[in-house]
Amino acid sequence: MLDVQTDDARQDPIQEIFLTDHTEFIGAASSFEELEEGDRVKVTPFDTTPDIPYFLASRVTVE
């Protein structure tokens, strides 16, 4: 799980993003273990049904 700080004023400032075995990492990190606190990331979620109350990351792009 990632705790991601968002700049989007329409959302809570901290979002919990859940990773799966199918989450793809692009950019400066190729896995969850390579992420460091303060890394800037863009998260692309999987399309899920509204009854799933959390974000599942399809892709994490690390800048």
N, C-alpha and C. Protein backbone atom coordinates (compact mmCIF):
# COMPACT_ATOMS: atom_id res chain seq x y z
N MET A 1 0.85 -1.17 0.00
CA MET A 1 0.00 0.00 0.00
C MET A 1 0.90 1.24 0.00
N LEU A 2 0.50 2.24 -0.77
CA LEU A 2 1.17 3.53 -0.80
C LEU A 2 0.27 4.56 -0.15
N ASP A 3 0.85 5.46 0.62
CA ASP A 3 0.14 6.65 1.06
C ASP A 3 0.64 7.77 0.16
N VAL A 4 -0.26 8.33 -0.63
CA VAL A 4 0.11 9.33 -1.63
C VAL A 4 -0.53 10.66 -1.27
N GLN A 5 0.28 11.69 -1.23
CA GLN A 5 -0.23 13.04 -1.01
C GLN A 5 -0.66 13.62 -2.35
N THR A 6 -1.85 14.17 -2.39
CA THR A 6 -2.40 14.70 -3.64
C THR A 6 -2.45 16.22 -3.64
N ASP A 7 -2.30 16.79 -4.82
CA ASP A 7 -2.44 18.24 -4.99
C ASP A 7 -3.86 18.61 -5.39
N ASP A 8 -4.72 17.62 -5.58
CA ASP A 8 -6.09 17.83 -6.03
C ASP A 8 -6.96 18.25 -4.85
N ALA A 9 -7.41 19.49 -4.83
CA ALA A 9 -8.20 20.03 -3.71
C ALA A 9 -9.55 19.33 -3.56
N ARG A 10 -9.98 18.61 -4.59
CA ARG A 10 -11.28 17.92 -4.52
C ARG A 10 -11.20 16.61 -3.74
N GLN A 11 -9.99 16.15 -3.40
CA GLN A 11 -9.81 14.88 -2.72
C GLN A 11 -9.15 15.11 -1.36
N ASP A 12 -9.23 14.07 -0.50
CA ASP A 12 -8.49 14.12 0.76
C ASP A 12 -7.00 14.31 0.44
N PRO A 13 -6.27 15.04 1.29
CA PRO A 13 -4.86 15.31 0.98
C PRO A 13 -3.99 14.05 0.92
N ILE A 14 -4.33 13.02 1.67
CA ILE A 14 -3.59 11.75 1.64
C ILE A 14 -4.53 10.66 1.15
N GLN A 15 -4.11 9.95 0.10
CA GLN A 15 -4.89 8.84 -0.45
C GLN A 15 -4.12 7.54 -0.22
N GLU A 16 -4.83 6.49 0.18
CA GLU A 16 -4.23 5.16 0.27
C GLU A 16 -4.42 4.47 -1.06
N ILE A 17 -3.32 4.03 -1.65
CA ILE A 17 -3.35 3.35 -2.94
C ILE A 17 -2.86 1.93 -2.72
N PHE A 18 -3.65 0.96 -3.12
CA PHE A 18 -3.29 -0.44 -2.93
C PHE A 18 -2.64 -0.98 -4.19
N LEU A 19 -1.55 -1.72 -4.01
CA LEU A 19 -0.82 -2.32 -5.11
C LEU A 19 -1.26 -3.77 -5.27
N THR A 20 -1.15 -4.28 -6.49
CA THR A 20 -1.46 -5.68 -6.77
C THR A 20 -0.26 -6.32 -7.45
N ASP A 21 -0.34 -7.60 -7.70
CA ASP A 21 0.72 -8.29 -8.44
C ASP A 21 0.82 -7.75 -9.87
N HIS A 22 -0.21 -7.09 -10.34
CA HIS A 22 -0.26 -6.59 -11.72
C HIS A 22 0.08 -5.10 -11.83
N THR A 23 0.42 -4.45 -10.70
CA THR A 23 0.80 -3.05 -10.74
C THR A 23 2.12 -2.91 -11.49
N GLU A 24 2.14 -2.02 -12.47
CA GLU A 24 3.33 -1.78 -13.29
C GLU A 24 4.02 -0.51 -12.81
N PHE A 25 5.34 -0.58 -12.63
CA PHE A 25 6.13 0.58 -12.24
C PHE A 25 6.90 1.10 -13.45
N ILE A 26 6.87 2.42 -13.64
CA ILE A 26 7.54 3.07 -14.77
C ILE A 26 8.35 4.24 -14.23
N GLY A 27 9.50 4.48 -14.81
CA GLY A 27 10.29 5.65 -14.44
C GLY A 27 11.45 5.30 -13.53
N ALA A 28 11.65 6.12 -12.49
CA ALA A 28 12.83 6.04 -11.64
C ALA A 28 12.82 4.85 -10.69
N ALA A 29 11.72 4.15 -10.55
CA ALA A 29 11.65 2.96 -9.69
C ALA A 29 10.96 1.84 -10.46
N SER A 30 11.46 0.64 -10.28
CA SER A 30 10.85 -0.49 -11.00
C SER A 30 10.11 -1.43 -10.06
N SER A 31 10.04 -1.08 -8.76
CA SER A 31 9.30 -1.90 -7.81
C SER A 31 8.97 -1.07 -6.57
N PHE A 32 8.07 -1.61 -5.76
CA PHE A 32 7.67 -0.92 -4.52
C PHE A 32 8.88 -0.70 -3.61
N GLU A 33 9.79 -1.67 -3.56
CA GLU A 33 10.95 -1.59 -2.67
C GLU A 33 11.88 -0.44 -3.03
N GLU A 34 11.86 0.01 -4.28
CA GLU A 34 12.74 1.10 -4.71
C GLU A 34 12.16 2.48 -4.43
N LEU A 35 10.89 2.56 -4.05
CA LEU A 35 10.29 3.85 -3.74
C LEU A 35 10.86 4.41 -2.45
N GLU A 36 11.01 5.73 -2.43
CA GLU A 36 11.48 6.41 -1.23
C GLU A 36 10.48 7.49 -0.85
N GLU A 37 10.40 7.78 0.44
CA GLU A 37 9.51 8.84 0.89
C GLU A 37 9.90 10.12 0.18
N GLY A 38 8.92 10.82 -0.33
CA GLY A 38 9.15 12.06 -1.04
C GLY A 38 9.20 11.91 -2.55
N ASP A 39 9.25 10.66 -3.06
CA ASP A 39 9.21 10.45 -4.51
C ASP A 39 7.90 11.00 -5.06
N ARG A 40 7.97 11.66 -6.20
CA ARG A 40 6.76 12.15 -6.88
C ARG A 40 6.27 11.05 -7.79
N VAL A 41 5.01 10.68 -7.64
CA VAL A 41 4.43 9.60 -8.44
C VAL A 41 3.12 10.03 -9.05
N LYS A 42 2.80 9.42 -10.18
CA LYS A 42 1.47 9.53 -10.77
C LYS A 42 0.90 8.12 -10.76
N VAL A 43 -0.32 7.99 -10.29
CA VAL A 43 -0.95 6.68 -10.17
C VAL A 43 -2.12 6.58 -11.13
N THR A 44 -2.12 5.53 -11.94
CA THR A 44 -3.24 5.23 -12.82
C THR A 44 -3.99 4.06 -12.20
N PRO A 45 -5.25 4.26 -11.80
CA PRO A 45 -5.98 3.17 -11.14
C PRO A 45 -6.57 2.19 -12.15
N PHE A 46 -6.80 0.96 -11.67
CA PHE A 46 -7.59 0.00 -12.44
C PHE A 46 -9.03 0.50 -12.47
N ASP A 47 -9.74 0.20 -13.53
CA ASP A 47 -11.18 0.45 -13.54
C ASP A 47 -11.83 -0.62 -12.67
N THR A 48 -12.52 -0.18 -11.65
CA THR A 48 -13.20 -1.11 -10.74
C THR A 48 -14.65 -0.71 -10.62
N THR A 49 -15.42 -1.58 -10.04
CA THR A 49 -16.84 -1.28 -9.82
C THR A 49 -16.98 -0.34 -8.62
N PRO A 50 -18.06 0.42 -8.58
CA PRO A 50 -18.25 1.38 -7.47
C PRO A 50 -18.31 0.74 -6.09
N ASP A 51 -18.57 -0.57 -6.01
CA ASP A 51 -18.66 -1.20 -4.69
C ASP A 51 -17.28 -1.50 -4.08
N ILE A 52 -16.20 -1.22 -4.81
CA ILE A 52 -14.85 -1.35 -4.24
C ILE A 52 -14.46 0.05 -3.74
N PRO A 53 -14.34 0.24 -2.41
CA PRO A 53 -14.17 1.58 -1.85
C PRO A 53 -12.74 2.09 -1.78
N TYR A 54 -11.83 1.51 -2.55
CA TYR A 54 -10.44 1.95 -2.49
C TYR A 54 -9.82 1.91 -3.88
N PHE A 55 -8.64 2.55 -4.02
CA PHE A 55 -7.93 2.61 -5.29
C PHE A 55 -6.99 1.43 -5.43
N LEU A 56 -7.04 0.76 -6.59
CA LEU A 56 -6.07 -0.28 -6.93
C LEU A 56 -5.19 0.27 -8.05
N ALA A 57 -3.90 0.32 -7.83
CA ALA A 57 -2.99 0.92 -8.79
C ALA A 57 -2.70 -0.03 -9.96
N SER A 58 -2.99 0.43 -11.15
CA SER A 58 -2.64 -0.29 -12.36
C SER A 58 -1.21 0.05 -12.75
N ARG A 59 -0.88 1.34 -12.66
CA ARG A 59 0.44 1.83 -13.05
C ARG A 59 0.88 2.91 -12.08
N VAL A 60 2.16 2.86 -11.68
CA VAL A 60 2.77 3.89 -10.85
C VAL A 60 3.94 4.45 -11.64
N THR A 61 3.85 5.72 -12.01
CA THR A 61 4.94 6.38 -12.73
C THR A 61 5.72 7.23 -11.74
N VAL A 62 7.00 6.92 -11.59
CA VAL A 62 7.85 7.61 -10.63
C VAL A 62 8.70 8.63 -11.38
N GLU A 63 8.55 9.90 -10.99
CA GLU A 63 9.28 10.98 -11.67
C GLU A 63 10.65 11.17 -11.06
